[in-house]
Protein backbone atom coordinates (compact mmCIF):
# COMPACT_ATOMS: atom_id res chain seq x y z
CA UNK A 1 53.68 -74.09 84.96
CA UNK A 2 49.87 -74.15 84.68
CA UNK A 3 48.19 -73.64 81.36
CA UNK A 4 45.84 -70.64 81.51
CA UNK A 5 43.05 -72.45 79.64
CA UNK A 6 43.23 -76.05 80.68
CA UNK A 7 44.90 -75.47 84.03
CA UNK A 8 47.11 -78.36 83.24
CA UNK A 9 50.36 -78.69 85.21
CA UNK A 10 51.94 -81.23 82.94
CA UNK A 11 54.70 -79.70 80.96
CA UNK A 12 56.47 -82.62 79.27
CA UNK A 13 59.15 -81.46 76.93
CA UNK A 14 57.65 -77.98 76.73
CA UNK A 15 53.96 -76.92 76.59
CA UNK A 16 51.26 -79.51 76.39
CA UNK A 17 49.19 -79.96 73.23
CA UNK A 18 46.12 -78.31 74.77
CA UNK A 19 48.15 -75.39 75.97
CA UNK A 20 49.75 -74.94 72.51
CA UNK A 21 46.31 -74.75 71.02
CA UNK A 22 45.37 -72.29 73.63
CA UNK A 23 48.24 -70.09 72.83
CA UNK A 24 47.35 -70.19 69.13
CA UNK A 25 43.87 -68.84 69.98
CA UNK A 26 45.07 -66.31 72.53
CA UNK A 27 44.19 -62.66 71.97
CA UNK A 28 47.19 -61.01 70.21
CA UNK A 29 49.29 -58.54 71.92
CA UNK A 30 49.04 -54.74 71.58
CA UNK A 31 51.82 -54.49 68.94
CA UNK A 32 50.19 -57.33 66.91
CA UNK A 33 46.85 -55.55 66.98
CA UNK A 34 48.43 -52.37 65.71
CA UNK A 35 50.09 -54.23 62.88
CA UNK A 36 46.81 -55.77 61.91
CA UNK A 37 44.99 -52.47 62.04
CA UNK A 38 47.51 -50.86 59.82
CA UNK A 39 47.32 -53.70 57.30
CA UNK A 40 43.55 -53.46 57.35
CA UNK A 41 43.73 -49.69 56.76
CA UNK A 42 46.06 -50.15 53.86
CA UNK A 43 43.86 -52.73 52.30
CA UNK A 44 40.79 -50.41 52.60
CA UNK A 45 42.70 -47.63 51.08
CA UNK A 46 43.72 -49.84 48.20
CA UNK A 47 40.13 -50.76 47.31
CA UNK A 48 38.38 -48.49 44.90
CA UNK A 49 35.76 -46.33 46.57
CA UNK A 50 32.26 -46.75 45.17
CA UNK A 51 31.19 -44.12 42.59
CA UNK A 52 28.57 -42.08 44.38
CA UNK A 53 27.86 -40.02 41.29
CA UNK A 54 26.13 -43.00 39.74
CA UNK A 55 23.75 -43.32 42.58
CA UNK A 56 20.32 -42.65 41.29
CA UNK A 57 21.53 -42.17 37.71
CA UNK A 58 18.62 -44.11 36.38
CA UNK A 59 16.17 -41.70 37.99
CA UNK A 60 17.99 -38.57 36.64
CA UNK A 61 18.68 -39.83 33.10
CA UNK A 62 17.49 -37.32 30.44
CA UNK A 63 17.36 -34.36 32.88
CA UNK A 64 19.73 -32.21 30.76
CA UNK A 65 17.73 -32.98 27.64
CA UNK A 66 14.58 -31.76 29.34
CA UNK A 67 16.25 -28.52 30.48
CA UNK A 68 17.73 -28.04 26.97
CA UNK A 69 14.38 -28.42 25.27
CA UNK A 70 12.78 -25.81 27.66
CA UNK A 71 15.55 -23.23 27.26
CA UNK A 72 16.32 -23.68 23.56
CA UNK A 73 13.45 -21.64 22.14
CA UNK A 74 14.16 -18.70 24.44
CA UNK A 75 17.89 -18.89 23.90
CA UNK A 76 17.45 -19.13 20.08
CA UNK A 77 15.12 -16.12 19.97
CA UNK A 78 17.44 -14.14 22.21
CA UNK A 79 20.43 -14.72 19.99
CA UNK A 80 18.52 -14.04 16.80
CA UNK A 81 17.17 -10.84 18.42
CA UNK A 82 20.70 -9.62 19.22
CA UNK A 83 21.59 -10.16 15.56
CA UNK A 84 18.44 -8.36 14.34
CA UNK A 85 18.88 -5.27 16.64
CA UNK A 86 22.50 -5.10 15.56
CA UNK A 87 21.24 -4.71 11.95
CA UNK A 88 18.63 -2.19 13.15
CA UNK A 89 21.40 -0.09 14.81
CA UNK A 90 23.40 -0.12 11.52
CA UNK A 91 20.23 0.85 9.58
CA UNK A 92 19.57 3.68 12.08
CA UNK A 93 23.05 5.11 11.50
CA UNK A 94 22.59 4.93 7.65
CA UNK A 95 19.22 6.59 7.85
CA UNK A 96 20.56 9.39 10.00
CA UNK A 97 23.19 10.09 7.40
CA UNK A 98 20.77 9.83 4.52
CA UNK A 99 18.31 12.22 6.21
CA UNK A 100 21.10 14.78 6.67
CA UNK A 101 22.11 14.45 2.97
CA UNK A 102 18.39 14.83 2.03
CA UNK A 103 18.17 17.98 4.12
CA UNK A 104 21.34 19.41 2.47
CA UNK A 105 19.90 18.71 -0.98
CA UNK A 106 16.73 20.41 0.01
CA UNK A 107 18.61 23.48 1.21
CA UNK A 108 20.35 23.79 -2.17
CA UNK A 109 17.23 23.03 -4.25
CA UNK A 110 14.54 25.34 -2.81
CA UNK A 111 13.27 22.69 -0.45
CA UNK A 112 11.68 20.64 -3.24
CA UNK A 113 10.39 17.29 -2.28
CA UNK A 114 11.80 15.56 -5.41
CA UNK A 115 15.36 16.69 -4.55
CA UNK A 116 14.99 15.58 -1.01
CA UNK A 117 13.73 12.09 -2.01
CA UNK A 118 16.57 11.61 -4.62
CA UNK A 119 19.15 12.49 -1.99
CA UNK A 120 17.64 10.20 0.55
CA UNK A 121 17.74 7.28 -1.88
CA UNK A 122 21.33 8.05 -2.67
CA UNK A 123 22.23 8.12 1.03
CA UNK A 124 20.47 4.82 1.67
CA UNK A 125 22.31 2.95 -1.02
CA UNK A 126 25.15 1.77 1.23
CA UNK A 127 22.62 -0.08 3.39
CA UNK A 128 21.79 -2.46 0.48
CA UNK A 129 25.14 -2.47 -1.29
CA UNK A 130 27.78 -5.20 -0.70
CA UNK A 131 31.33 -5.52 -2.12
CA UNK A 132 31.51 -9.34 -2.14
CA UNK A 133 32.10 -10.71 -5.61
CA UNK A 134 32.42 -7.30 -7.18
CA UNK A 135 35.90 -7.03 -8.70
CA UNK A 136 35.51 -4.05 -11.09
CA UNK A 137 34.28 -0.59 -10.59
CA UNK A 138 31.50 -1.08 -13.17
CA UNK A 139 30.00 -3.93 -11.22
CA UNK A 140 30.14 -1.87 -7.99
CA UNK A 141 28.49 1.03 -9.73
CA UNK A 142 25.69 -1.28 -10.81
CA UNK A 143 25.23 -2.58 -7.31
CA UNK A 144 24.99 0.93 -6.01
CA UNK A 145 22.49 1.85 -8.70
CA UNK A 146 20.33 -1.24 -7.85
CA UNK A 147 20.35 -0.17 -4.20
CA UNK A 148 19.21 3.37 -5.17
CA UNK A 149 16.42 1.91 -7.31
CA UNK A 150 15.31 -0.22 -4.44
CA UNK A 151 14.94 2.70 -2.12
CA UNK A 152 13.31 4.88 -4.87
CA UNK A 153 10.75 2.08 -5.33
CA UNK A 154 9.87 2.42 -1.68
CA UNK A 155 9.34 6.19 -1.93
CA UNK A 156 5.90 7.58 -2.82
CA UNK A 157 5.75 9.36 -6.26
CA UNK A 158 2.75 11.38 -4.95
CA UNK A 159 1.13 11.70 -1.62
CA UNK A 160 -1.70 9.44 -2.84
CA UNK A 161 0.88 6.59 -3.12
CA UNK A 162 1.77 6.86 0.56
CA UNK A 163 -0.34 3.78 1.35
CA UNK A 164 1.96 1.73 -0.89
CA UNK A 165 5.27 3.10 0.16
CA UNK A 166 7.63 2.52 3.08
CA UNK A 167 9.14 6.05 3.40
CA UNK A 168 7.36 9.03 4.80
CA UNK A 169 9.01 12.49 4.61
CA UNK A 170 7.68 15.40 6.66
CA UNK A 171 8.75 19.11 6.48
CA UNK A 172 8.67 20.35 10.05
CA UNK A 173 9.98 23.78 9.19
CA UNK A 174 9.28 26.15 7.46
CA UNK A 175 5.58 25.73 8.29
CA UNK A 176 2.60 26.70 6.27
CA UNK A 177 2.20 29.76 8.50
CA UNK A 178 5.75 30.79 7.74
CA UNK A 179 4.95 30.88 4.05
CA UNK A 180 1.89 33.04 4.71
CA UNK A 181 4.07 35.44 6.53
CA UNK A 182 7.13 35.75 4.23
CA UNK A 183 6.21 34.32 0.80
CA UNK A 184 4.42 36.77 -1.43
CA UNK A 185 4.09 37.63 -5.08
CA UNK A 186 6.98 40.02 -4.72
CA UNK A 187 9.30 37.06 -3.86
CA UNK A 188 7.66 34.59 -6.28
CA UNK A 189 5.84 32.80 -3.44
CA UNK A 190 9.18 31.89 -1.86
CA UNK A 191 10.73 32.71 1.50
CA UNK A 192 13.75 34.97 0.87
CA UNK A 193 17.06 33.47 1.90
CA UNK A 194 19.44 36.31 1.16
CA UNK A 195 20.88 39.01 3.41
CA UNK A 196 19.42 37.38 6.49
CA UNK A 197 21.88 39.12 8.74
CA UNK A 198 20.43 42.58 7.84
CA UNK A 199 16.77 41.60 7.77
CA UNK A 200 14.43 42.46 10.59
CA UNK A 201 14.01 39.65 13.13
CA UNK A 202 10.45 40.56 14.01
CA UNK A 203 8.35 37.40 14.46
CA UNK A 204 5.63 36.83 11.83
CA UNK A 205 2.00 37.34 12.70
CA UNK A 206 0.88 33.92 11.61
CA UNK A 207 3.83 31.67 12.52
CA UNK A 208 5.53 33.54 15.32
CA UNK A 209 8.87 32.92 13.59
CA UNK A 210 11.42 35.42 12.38
CA UNK A 211 12.54 35.18 8.79
CA UNK A 212 15.87 33.83 10.01
CA UNK A 213 14.06 31.00 11.77
CA UNK A 214 11.85 30.42 8.77
CA UNK A 215 15.01 29.73 6.76
CA UNK A 216 15.83 26.65 8.75
CA UNK A 217 14.85 23.53 6.84
CA UNK A 218 13.91 20.72 9.21
CA UNK A 219 12.67 17.42 7.91
CA UNK A 220 11.67 14.18 9.55
CA UNK A 221 11.93 10.82 7.76
CA UNK A 222 10.18 7.67 8.83
CA UNK A 223 11.62 4.58 7.03
CA UNK A 224 10.21 1.07 7.38
CA UNK A 225 13.27 -1.13 7.67
CA UNK A 226 12.72 -4.81 6.85
CA UNK A 227 13.55 -7.28 9.65
CA UNK A 228 15.25 -10.14 7.89
CA UNK A 229 16.36 -12.35 10.71
CA UNK A 230 14.04 -15.43 10.92
CA UNK A 231 11.43 -15.54 13.72
CA UNK A 232 12.36 -12.10 15.06
CA UNK A 233 10.33 -10.10 12.55
CA UNK A 234 7.16 -12.14 13.03
CA UNK A 235 7.58 -12.08 16.83
CA UNK A 236 8.11 -8.35 17.08
CA UNK A 237 5.32 -7.49 14.59
CA UNK A 238 2.94 -9.78 16.48
CA UNK A 239 3.78 -7.99 19.75
CA UNK A 240 3.38 -4.55 18.28
CA UNK A 241 0.09 -5.44 16.56
CA UNK A 242 -1.16 -7.22 19.60
CA UNK A 243 -1.92 -10.31 17.56
CA UNK A 244 -0.91 -13.92 17.47
CA UNK A 245 -1.27 -16.65 14.86
CA UNK A 246 -3.60 -19.43 15.72
CA UNK A 247 -1.79 -22.71 14.86
CA UNK A 248 -5.10 -24.45 14.36
CA UNK A 249 -6.52 -22.08 11.76
CA UNK A 250 -3.42 -20.11 10.66
CA UNK A 251 -5.32 -16.77 11.24
CA UNK A 252 -4.15 -13.78 13.31
CA UNK A 253 -6.10 -13.23 16.41
CA UNK A 254 -6.34 -9.95 18.33
CA UNK A 255 -5.05 -10.13 21.89
CA UNK A 256 -6.19 -6.53 22.79
CA UNK A 257 -2.77 -5.76 24.21
CA UNK A 258 -1.40 -2.44 25.46
CA UNK A 259 1.38 -1.88 22.90
CA UNK A 260 0.75 1.05 20.59
CA UNK A 261 1.65 0.29 16.96
CA UNK A 262 0.95 3.86 15.86
CA UNK A 263 -1.22 5.06 12.94
CA UNK A 264 -2.04 3.41 9.69
CA UNK A 265 1.37 3.95 8.16
CA UNK A 266 3.33 2.39 11.05
CA UNK A 267 0.78 -0.44 11.40
CA UNK A 268 1.38 -1.31 7.75
CA UNK A 269 5.09 -1.35 8.47
CA UNK A 270 4.63 -3.81 11.35
CA UNK A 271 2.22 -5.89 9.22
CA UNK A 272 5.03 -6.30 6.58
CA UNK A 273 7.50 -7.31 9.38
CA UNK A 274 9.26 -3.93 9.12
CA UNK A 275 10.26 -1.59 11.93
CA UNK A 276 9.66 2.19 11.56
CA UNK A 277 12.86 4.16 12.16
CA UNK A 278 12.58 7.91 12.57
CA UNK A 279 15.33 10.45 11.87
CA UNK A 280 15.33 14.25 11.76
CA UNK A 281 17.82 16.75 10.28
CA UNK A 282 18.00 20.55 10.31
CA UNK A 283 19.96 22.67 7.78
CA UNK A 284 19.94 26.40 6.96
CA UNK A 285 18.44 27.23 3.56
CA UNK A 286 20.92 28.29 0.94
CA UNK A 287 18.19 28.98 -1.66
CA UNK A 288 14.63 30.54 -1.34
CA UNK A 289 12.18 27.87 -0.16
CA UNK A 290 9.08 27.12 -2.12
CA UNK A 291 5.92 25.68 -0.59
CA UNK A 292 6.13 22.22 -1.98
CA UNK A 293 3.76 19.43 -0.95
CA UNK A 294 4.98 17.06 1.86
CA UNK A 295 3.32 14.48 4.02
CA UNK A 296 1.67 15.67 7.25
CA UNK A 297 2.50 14.37 10.67
CA UNK A 298 -0.65 12.32 10.81
CA UNK A 299 0.28 10.60 7.50
CA UNK A 300 3.52 9.24 8.97
CA UNK A 301 2.14 8.14 12.29
């Protein structure tokens, strides 16, 4: 037999040495190649794959912190704003109830401004009253009285004190013209409120209202509610007043914006970081109305 590599024909006692070395270096057969490929595949699967997530980690280190620093002020202001507007909604609900109680008190007390203001302060007491730490009824009554006194201090004693108050009450109806039509010396300068079903419904010459319509007491209350959540009050007041605070000088600068803050009363509310909340109520008079002195619409704007 001839060796395929050395072409030797000597085969003493089996294969020659050269031919044995040749067979050792021969290309393996098909089944041997398959076994080696399977072993190689198993060894590759056994190795741990490289962590591709760490590729370029040095270049992206601190990216989350940068994004967090950018979004944190906006997110913080948004969360605080949600809390503040929740409190404003609660205040609006309380002011609506207090305005209705004030209108009812006015209907029972000849539409006097003093009765309307006292009832409004009484209706606003729940907004500033808490039950935490109050175990007895006497302490709770004192807390309610303190809340009433707080609102009364915000009410103007006279119209001249409106510039120092945070509550403005207007009488929308009956108007001055209605008093000229129906209040006379015969009725003690009051609009009659009795037997309205049998009175003539002819409109008055000055007001254009019938006596039945003139007996509808309608009031409008503008209350400056304090914004107590940090950052939100200053931000909203700056937006409404079209101003910003210069960090170098600490002074407010005018930005000449397009937001309308209203008249002097409302601008003072914004300047004190308060938001003006308006509520109206209408009640039929149960007593003759007198022409008491109330704030005008321009005073509460």
